Amino acid sequence: QIAIIEKWIATGANLNAGFEPNSPLIRIIPKEVQQPAPEKYPVPVPITAVAFNTDGSLLATSGYHEVVLWNPIDGAVVRRIGNVAERVYDLEFSADGKTLFVAAGTPAQLGEVKVFNVENGQLLGDWVSTDDAVFAIALSPDGTKLASAGADRAIRVFEVPSGKELLAIEDHADWVMDIAWSPDGTKLASASRDKTAKVFDLKTGDSLVTFNAHAQPVFGVGFSPDGAQVISSGADRQIRIWNVSDAAAVRAIGGFGGDVFRIVTTKEGLIYSSSADKTARIHKFADAGQVFSLAGHTDWVYSVAFNAASKRVAAGSYTGEVRLWNTDDGKEVKLIIAAPGYAPPAAVAK
C-alpha cells in the first residue's frame, strides 16, 4: 500500500479525474506500460496458462511479461504480445478468435485483466487493476460477459466488449483460484484457497451453495454438461462432483499423486485435468472412468487446454514445456519449449 500511495503522489495525487471518491488508489493511478519481455529467454518459465483458439490453429501460452502465440502443428512462434504483468495466470480466446483475454499479475503489487487484438497484438482494453494477482477469467457461454477472480478475494463480471463492470462479489475468505459459468449463463462457480467451492446467482450476486468436502485449498472448477452439478479439484488430490441444488457429493475421482490444479469440462462430458503428479488426465464425467493419463512431463503440470476441432490436449509444466496429445489415442504429438529464443544447454558427453 505504501508503494501505491507513493506512486499516486508522484503522479500528482489527483482525485478529480472522473473517479468515485472511494475508488481504490490502484484504479486511480495512471498505469505504466509493463517492461518488455526478454528478447531471448535465458531459462524457460513455468507455463501457468494455455489456451487454444476455436479452430485449433493457435495455441497461446503464458510468458514473462507476455503472451506467446504458437502454431501448434510445427511449434513455430506466430506472435508475441507484450505489455502484461509479470506472470500470466489465465487466457481465453473469443469464439471468433479475434480477441484474447489475459489475466495476469505481479504478486503483491498488481493484478490486471487485459484485452488484445489477436491479429496485431493491439491493446483493446485494460479492465481490472487490483493490488494483487488476477488468477482466473471466464467468458460467458454467449460471449457477452467476462468474469474474473484473484488474490483480492473478489469475483467481478464485465460487459463485453465495453469492459463495464456489472457485478462484484466478495464472499470468499481467501484467494479465488478459478471460476466457471454454468451452461445457461445464469450462475458462476468458484474455487478458493479458503477450502470451499461456491455457486453464485448472477442476477443478485448471492451465494446459492457452498461445498466444503475438499477440506484443502480448491484450485479448479467447472460445470457438468447440464449445469446440475459442479466439478471441483484441489490440494486433497481429488476431483469431486457435487450437486448445485444442495452441495451433496455425487462421486469423487482419485488416483492422483499430487494437487489437481486445473480442470476443463466439456459439453461431451469429459474432464481434463493437470496435476502436481506430472500428468494431465482425461476422465468421464458420467462414471469417473479414466480415459487417458497423458505422460511425458517431468515436473508439476500447471495448465491444461482442450480443442475439439483439432482433437488436441495441451498441458504446460513448471519446466516451461508444453506437450500436446491426440485425444483419440492419448499419444503425444508435439513438444514445445515455450520460451522464445531459449537455447538449451548442449548435452555433455560422458
Protein backbone atom coordinates (compact mmCIF):
# COMPACT_ATOMS: atom_id res chain seq x y z
CA GLN A 1 0.00 0.00 0.00
CA ILE A 2 2.89 2.39 0.72
CA ALA A 3 4.22 1.87 -2.79
CA ILE A 4 0.79 2.63 -4.24
CA ILE A 5 0.48 5.86 -2.24
CA GLU A 6 3.99 6.96 -3.24
CA LYS A 7 3.13 6.40 -6.89
CA TRP A 8 -0.13 8.32 -6.52
CA ILE A 9 1.73 11.31 -5.03
CA ALA A 10 4.34 11.16 -7.78
CA THR A 11 1.58 11.35 -10.42
CA GLY A 12 0.00 14.43 -8.85
CA ALA A 13 -2.32 12.95 -6.22
CA ASN A 14 -5.28 13.78 -8.45
CA LEU A 15 -8.69 12.65 -7.17
CA ASN A 16 -10.66 14.74 -9.66
CA ALA A 17 -10.28 12.67 -12.80
CA GLY A 18 -13.78 11.21 -13.06
CA PHE A 19 -13.32 8.51 -10.42
CA GLU A 20 -15.57 7.82 -7.47
CA PRO A 21 -14.09 9.23 -4.24
CA ASN A 22 -13.93 5.78 -2.65
CA SER A 23 -12.19 4.11 -5.60
CA PRO A 24 -9.02 2.20 -4.64
CA LEU A 25 -5.84 4.12 -5.46
CA ILE A 26 -4.66 1.27 -7.68
CA ARG A 27 -7.56 2.14 -10.03
CA ILE A 28 -6.91 5.89 -9.96
CA ILE A 29 -3.16 5.95 -10.59
CA PRO A 30 -2.27 6.02 -14.30
CA LYS A 31 -0.83 2.66 -15.28
CA GLU A 32 2.62 2.40 -16.74
CA VAL A 33 3.46 0.26 -19.74
CA GLN A 34 4.86 -3.02 -18.47
CA GLN A 35 8.51 -3.80 -19.00
CA PRO A 36 9.26 -5.75 -22.19
CA ALA A 37 9.62 -9.50 -22.26
CA PRO A 38 13.15 -10.81 -22.82
CA GLU A 39 14.11 -10.99 -26.48
CA LYS A 40 15.60 -14.39 -25.76
CA TYR A 41 14.73 -16.31 -22.63
CA PRO A 42 17.81 -17.27 -20.59
CA VAL A 43 15.74 -20.04 -18.98
CA PRO A 44 12.18 -21.26 -19.51
CA VAL A 45 9.49 -20.07 -17.09
CA PRO A 46 6.62 -22.14 -15.67
CA ILE A 47 3.64 -22.36 -18.01
CA THR A 48 0.75 -21.30 -15.83
CA ALA A 49 -1.77 -20.82 -18.66
CA VAL A 50 -2.51 -22.33 -22.07
CA ALA A 51 -5.45 -21.79 -24.44
CA PHE A 52 -6.46 -22.78 -27.98
CA ASN A 53 -8.45 -20.61 -30.33
CA THR A 54 -11.68 -22.16 -31.59
CA ASP A 55 -10.34 -23.83 -34.73
CA GLY A 56 -7.15 -25.02 -33.04
CA SER A 57 -4.83 -23.08 -35.34
CA LEU A 58 -3.28 -21.07 -32.49
CA LEU A 59 -2.05 -22.00 -29.04
CA ALA A 60 -1.50 -19.20 -26.52
CA THR A 61 0.91 -19.72 -23.61
CA SER A 62 1.92 -17.65 -20.61
CA GLY A 63 5.31 -15.97 -20.68
CA TYR A 64 7.30 -13.45 -18.66
CA HIS A 65 5.55 -10.09 -19.20
CA GLU A 66 3.97 -11.51 -22.36
CA VAL A 67 1.68 -14.00 -24.04
CA VAL A 68 3.16 -16.10 -26.83
CA LEU A 69 1.06 -17.39 -29.75
CA TRP A 70 2.28 -20.61 -31.35
CA ASN A 71 1.45 -22.76 -34.33
CA PRO A 72 0.55 -26.00 -32.53
CA ILE A 73 1.42 -28.12 -35.56
CA ASP A 74 5.04 -27.11 -36.11
CA GLY A 75 5.73 -25.28 -32.83
CA ALA A 76 6.68 -22.00 -34.53
CA VAL A 77 6.14 -18.65 -32.82
CA VAL A 78 3.33 -16.75 -34.56
CA ARG A 79 3.23 -13.62 -32.39
CA ARG A 80 4.41 -12.26 -29.06
CA ILE A 81 2.01 -9.97 -27.19
CA GLY A 82 3.61 -7.82 -24.52
CA ASN A 83 2.56 -5.11 -22.07
CA VAL A 84 1.20 -7.53 -19.47
CA ALA A 85 2.17 -8.01 -15.85
CA GLU A 86 4.99 -10.29 -14.77
CA ARG A 87 3.00 -13.54 -14.59
CA VAL A 88 0.13 -14.65 -16.79
CA TYR A 89 -2.33 -16.89 -14.96
CA ASP A 90 -5.21 -17.44 -17.38
CA LEU A 91 -6.01 -16.98 -21.06
CA GLU A 92 -9.18 -17.14 -23.14
CA PHE A 93 -9.95 -16.50 -26.80
CA SER A 94 -13.24 -15.09 -28.01
CA ALA A 95 -15.34 -17.53 -30.03
CA ASP A 96 -14.37 -15.84 -33.31
CA GLY A 97 -10.68 -16.00 -32.40
CA LYS A 98 -10.15 -12.28 -32.91
CA THR A 99 -9.77 -11.29 -29.26
CA LEU A 100 -7.59 -12.62 -26.46
CA PHE A 101 -8.40 -12.02 -22.79
CA VAL A 102 -5.48 -12.17 -20.34
CA ALA A 103 -5.46 -12.50 -16.54
CA ALA A 104 -2.11 -11.55 -15.06
CA GLY A 105 -0.34 -10.11 -12.08
CA THR A 106 2.82 -9.12 -10.30
CA PRO A 107 2.44 -10.78 -6.89
CA ALA A 108 1.55 -8.37 -4.05
CA GLN A 109 1.75 -5.40 -6.44
CA LEU A 110 -0.67 -5.61 -9.35
CA GLY A 111 -3.48 -7.65 -10.85
CA GLU A 112 -4.97 -6.99 -14.26
CA VAL A 113 -7.29 -8.21 -17.00
CA LYS A 114 -6.27 -7.01 -20.44
CA VAL A 115 -7.86 -7.48 -23.84
CA PHE A 116 -5.82 -7.78 -27.05
CA ASN A 117 -6.37 -7.97 -30.78
CA VAL A 118 -5.02 -11.38 -31.79
CA GLU A 119 -4.09 -10.32 -35.33
CA ASN A 120 -1.76 -7.46 -34.39
CA GLY A 121 -1.34 -7.58 -30.60
CA GLN A 122 -3.00 -4.18 -30.09
CA LEU A 123 -4.29 -3.48 -26.58
CA LEU A 124 -8.08 -3.14 -26.77
CA GLY A 125 -8.92 -2.87 -23.10
CA ASP A 126 -7.46 -2.71 -19.60
CA TRP A 127 -10.38 -3.70 -17.41
CA VAL A 128 -9.07 -4.55 -13.96
CA SER A 129 -6.48 -3.01 -11.67
CA THR A 130 -6.07 -4.61 -8.25
CA ASP A 131 -3.19 -4.68 -5.78
CA ASP A 132 -2.57 -8.41 -6.25
CA ALA A 133 -2.74 -11.02 -8.99
CA VAL A 134 -5.79 -11.99 -11.05
CA PHE A 135 -5.77 -15.78 -11.32
CA ALA A 136 -8.79 -16.63 -13.46
CA ILE A 137 -11.06 -15.36 -16.21
CA ALA A 138 -14.03 -16.98 -17.94
CA LEU A 139 -16.22 -15.90 -20.85
CA SER A 140 -19.96 -16.45 -20.56
CA PRO A 141 -21.43 -19.04 -22.96
CA ASP A 142 -22.84 -16.31 -25.20
CA GLY A 143 -19.62 -14.29 -25.10
CA THR A 144 -21.28 -11.12 -23.80
CA LYS A 145 -19.72 -11.15 -20.33
CA LEU A 146 -16.33 -11.91 -18.80
CA ALA A 147 -15.79 -12.91 -15.18
CA SER A 148 -12.51 -12.50 -13.30
CA ALA A 149 -11.21 -13.56 -9.89
CA GLY A 150 -7.99 -13.42 -7.93
CA ALA A 151 -6.00 -12.72 -4.81
CA ASP A 152 -8.22 -9.83 -3.68
CA ARG A 153 -10.92 -12.46 -2.98
CA ALA A 154 -13.37 -10.75 -5.34
CA ILE A 155 -15.24 -12.06 -8.36
CA ARG A 156 -16.09 -9.44 -10.98
CA VAL A 157 -18.31 -9.62 -14.05
CA PHE A 158 -17.75 -7.30 -17.03
CA GLU A 159 -19.72 -6.47 -20.13
CA VAL A 160 -18.05 -7.48 -23.41
CA PRO A 161 -16.79 -5.58 -25.34
CA SER A 162 -17.25 -2.37 -23.32
CA GLY A 163 -15.48 -3.58 -20.17
CA LYS A 164 -18.15 -2.04 -17.94
CA GLU A 165 -18.20 -3.70 -14.51
CA LEU A 166 -21.64 -5.22 -13.97
CA LEU A 167 -21.20 -7.08 -10.70
CA ALA A 168 -18.69 -7.55 -7.88
CA ILE A 169 -18.96 -10.46 -5.44
CA GLU A 170 -16.91 -10.64 -2.25
CA ASP A 171 -17.89 -13.83 -0.47
CA HIS A 172 -14.69 -15.87 -0.17
CA ALA A 173 -12.26 -15.59 2.76
CA ASP A 174 -9.12 -16.18 0.68
CA TRP A 175 -7.80 -16.13 -2.89
CA VAL A 176 -10.25 -17.17 -5.60
CA MET A 177 -8.31 -19.54 -7.83
CA ASP A 178 -10.78 -20.41 -10.59
CA ILE A 179 -14.26 -19.59 -11.90
CA ALA A 180 -16.66 -21.19 -14.39
CA TRP A 181 -20.01 -20.29 -15.96
CA SER A 182 -23.00 -22.59 -15.91
CA PRO A 183 -24.06 -23.70 -19.41
CA ASP A 184 -27.11 -21.41 -19.31
CA GLY A 185 -25.06 -18.41 -18.16
CA THR A 186 -27.10 -17.75 -15.02
CA LYS A 187 -24.64 -19.00 -12.41
CA LEU A 188 -20.95 -18.82 -11.64
CA ALA A 189 -18.95 -21.44 -9.75
CA SER A 190 -15.76 -20.56 -7.87
CA ALA A 191 -12.80 -22.38 -6.34
CA SER A 192 -10.92 -20.81 -3.44
CA ARG A 193 -7.89 -21.18 -1.23
CA ASP A 194 -10.33 -20.87 1.69
CA LYS A 195 -11.08 -24.60 1.11
CA THR A 196 -14.50 -24.04 -0.40
CA ALA A 197 -16.16 -24.05 -3.79
CA LYS A 198 -19.29 -21.96 -4.26
CA VAL A 199 -22.07 -21.28 -6.74
CA PHE A 200 -23.46 -17.76 -7.20
CA ASP A 201 -26.66 -16.41 -8.74
CA LEU A 202 -25.56 -13.82 -11.29
CA LYS A 203 -28.78 -11.82 -11.13
CA THR A 204 -28.26 -10.98 -7.47
CA GLY A 205 -24.66 -11.96 -6.72
CA ASP A 206 -25.93 -14.12 -3.86
CA SER A 207 -24.22 -17.35 -2.86
CA LEU A 208 -26.53 -20.29 -3.59
CA VAL A 209 -24.48 -23.13 -2.14
CA THR A 210 -21.07 -23.85 -0.57
CA PHE A 211 -19.14 -27.11 -0.90
CA ASN A 212 -16.68 -27.89 1.92
CA ALA A 213 -15.70 -31.52 1.32
CA HIS A 214 -12.25 -30.84 -0.13
CA ALA A 215 -11.05 -29.65 3.31
CA GLN A 216 -7.99 -28.29 1.46
CA PRO A 217 -7.47 -25.37 -0.92
CA VAL A 218 -9.61 -25.71 -4.05
CA PHE A 219 -7.88 -24.85 -7.34
CA GLY A 220 -10.16 -25.79 -10.24
CA VAL A 221 -13.87 -25.70 -11.01
CA GLY A 222 -16.32 -26.44 -13.82
CA PHE A 223 -19.93 -27.44 -14.51
CA SER A 224 -21.49 -30.65 -15.78
CA PRO A 225 -22.96 -30.51 -19.30
CA ASP A 226 -26.49 -30.00 -17.94
CA GLY A 227 -25.43 -27.48 -15.29
CA ALA A 228 -26.91 -29.53 -12.45
CA GLN A 229 -23.58 -30.46 -10.92
CA VAL A 230 -20.20 -28.85 -10.26
CA ILE A 231 -16.79 -30.46 -10.71
CA SER A 232 -14.01 -29.15 -8.45
CA SER A 233 -10.40 -30.08 -7.74
CA GLY A 234 -7.77 -29.20 -5.19
CA ALA A 235 -4.96 -29.92 -2.80
CA ASP A 236 -6.74 -33.02 -1.49
CA ARG A 237 -5.69 -34.76 -4.74
CA GLN A 238 -9.31 -35.33 -5.73
CA ILE A 239 -11.75 -34.24 -8.39
CA ARG A 240 -15.14 -34.03 -6.71
CA ILE A 241 -18.57 -33.91 -8.34
CA TRP A 242 -21.46 -32.41 -6.38
CA ASN A 243 -24.98 -31.07 -6.77
CA VAL A 244 -25.72 -27.41 -7.37
CA SER A 245 -29.06 -27.81 -5.61
CA ASP A 246 -27.78 -28.97 -2.20
CA ALA A 247 -23.96 -29.36 -2.38
CA ALA A 248 -24.36 -33.11 -1.84
CA ALA A 249 -21.36 -35.13 -3.04
CA VAL A 250 -22.12 -37.36 -6.04
CA ARG A 251 -18.78 -39.02 -6.74
CA ALA A 252 -15.03 -38.46 -6.40
CA ILE A 253 -12.19 -39.15 -8.79
CA GLY A 254 -8.95 -40.17 -7.09
CA GLY A 255 -5.70 -41.79 -8.10
CA PHE A 256 -3.73 -38.55 -8.38
CA GLY A 257 -0.28 -38.36 -6.84
CA GLY A 258 -0.40 -34.62 -6.16
CA ASP A 259 -2.55 -31.50 -6.12
CA VAL A 260 -5.01 -31.19 -9.01
CA PHE A 261 -4.51 -27.66 -10.29
CA ARG A 262 -6.74 -27.05 -13.28
CA ILE A 263 -9.77 -28.74 -14.77
CA VAL A 264 -11.53 -28.19 -18.08
CA THR A 265 -15.01 -29.62 -18.61
CA THR A 266 -16.66 -30.20 -21.98
CA LYS A 267 -20.23 -30.49 -23.25
CA GLU A 268 -19.34 -34.04 -24.31
CA GLY A 269 -18.97 -34.97 -20.65
CA LEU A 270 -15.19 -35.18 -20.33
CA ILE A 271 -12.98 -33.72 -17.61
CA TYR A 272 -9.41 -32.66 -18.46
CA SER A 273 -7.06 -32.04 -15.54
CA SER A 274 -3.48 -31.04 -14.72
CA SER A 275 -1.68 -32.19 -11.60
CA ALA A 276 1.43 -31.92 -9.49
CA ASP A 277 1.94 -35.65 -10.14
CA LYS A 278 3.41 -34.67 -13.56
CA THR A 279 0.40 -35.82 -15.58
CA ALA A 280 -2.56 -34.45 -17.44
CA ARG A 281 -5.58 -36.75 -17.42
CA ILE A 282 -8.92 -37.27 -19.11
CA HIS A 283 -11.88 -38.69 -17.18
CA LYS A 284 -15.52 -39.35 -17.98
CA PHE A 285 -17.99 -37.26 -16.04
CA ALA A 286 -20.69 -39.94 -16.12
CA ASP A 287 -18.84 -42.71 -14.29
CA ALA A 288 -15.49 -41.12 -13.28
CA GLY A 289 -13.65 -43.59 -15.51
CA GLN A 290 -10.19 -42.59 -16.71
CA VAL A 291 -9.84 -42.32 -20.47
CA PHE A 292 -6.12 -41.46 -20.64
CA SER A 293 -3.26 -40.50 -18.36
CA LEU A 294 -1.12 -38.21 -20.51
CA ALA A 295 2.50 -38.68 -19.50
CA GLY A 296 5.75 -37.05 -20.59
CA HIS A 297 6.16 -34.08 -18.29
CA THR A 298 8.93 -34.24 -15.71
CA ASP A 299 7.53 -31.77 -13.17
CA TRP A 300 4.28 -30.24 -11.96
CA VAL A 301 1.70 -29.69 -14.70
CA TYR A 302 0.06 -26.33 -14.02
CA SER A 303 -2.21 -25.75 -17.00
CA VAL A 304 -4.36 -27.66 -19.46
CA ALA A 305 -6.50 -26.83 -22.51
CA PHE A 306 -8.58 -28.87 -24.95
CA ASN A 307 -9.54 -28.19 -28.56
CA ALA A 308 -12.37 -30.15 -30.15
CA ALA A 309 -11.63 -29.12 -33.74
CA SER A 310 -8.06 -30.43 -33.76
CA LYS A 311 -8.63 -33.18 -31.17
CA ARG A 312 -5.69 -31.93 -29.15
CA VAL A 313 -4.92 -31.51 -25.46
CA ALA A 314 -2.16 -29.11 -24.41
CA ALA A 315 -0.61 -29.02 -20.96
CA GLY A 316 2.09 -26.71 -19.59
CA SER A 317 4.54 -27.50 -16.82
CA TYR A 318 6.88 -25.94 -14.28
CA THR A 319 9.83 -26.63 -16.60
CA GLY A 320 8.45 -24.41 -19.37
CA GLU A 321 7.42 -27.30 -21.59
CA VAL A 322 4.08 -27.56 -23.37
CA ARG A 323 3.15 -31.03 -24.55
CA LEU A 324 0.31 -31.83 -26.93
CA TRP A 325 -1.53 -35.14 -27.25
CA ASN A 326 -4.10 -36.60 -29.63
CA THR A 327 -7.38 -37.15 -27.78
CA ASP A 328 -8.28 -40.19 -29.91
CA ASP A 329 -5.38 -42.34 -28.73
CA GLY A 330 -3.62 -40.35 -25.99
CA LYS A 331 -0.35 -40.25 -27.94
CA GLU A 332 1.97 -37.25 -27.69
CA VAL A 333 2.19 -35.36 -30.97
CA LYS A 334 4.25 -32.26 -30.13
CA LEU A 335 6.64 -30.81 -27.55
CA ILE A 336 7.14 -27.05 -27.41
CA ILE A 337 9.70 -25.36 -25.17
CA ALA A 338 7.57 -22.27 -24.63
CA ALA A 339 10.45 -19.81 -24.21
CA PRO A 340 11.22 -17.85 -27.39
CA GLY A 341 14.90 -17.75 -28.24
CA TYR A 342 15.89 -20.15 -25.49
CA ALA A 343 18.89 -22.30 -26.37
CA PRO A 344 19.02 -25.50 -24.29
CA PRO A 345 22.49 -26.31 -22.98
CA ALA A 346 24.37 -28.76 -25.13
CA ALA A 347 24.48 -32.29 -23.81
CA VAL A 348 27.72 -33.07 -22.02
CA ALA A 349 29.49 -36.06 -23.48
CA LYS A 350 30.42 -38.74 -20.96
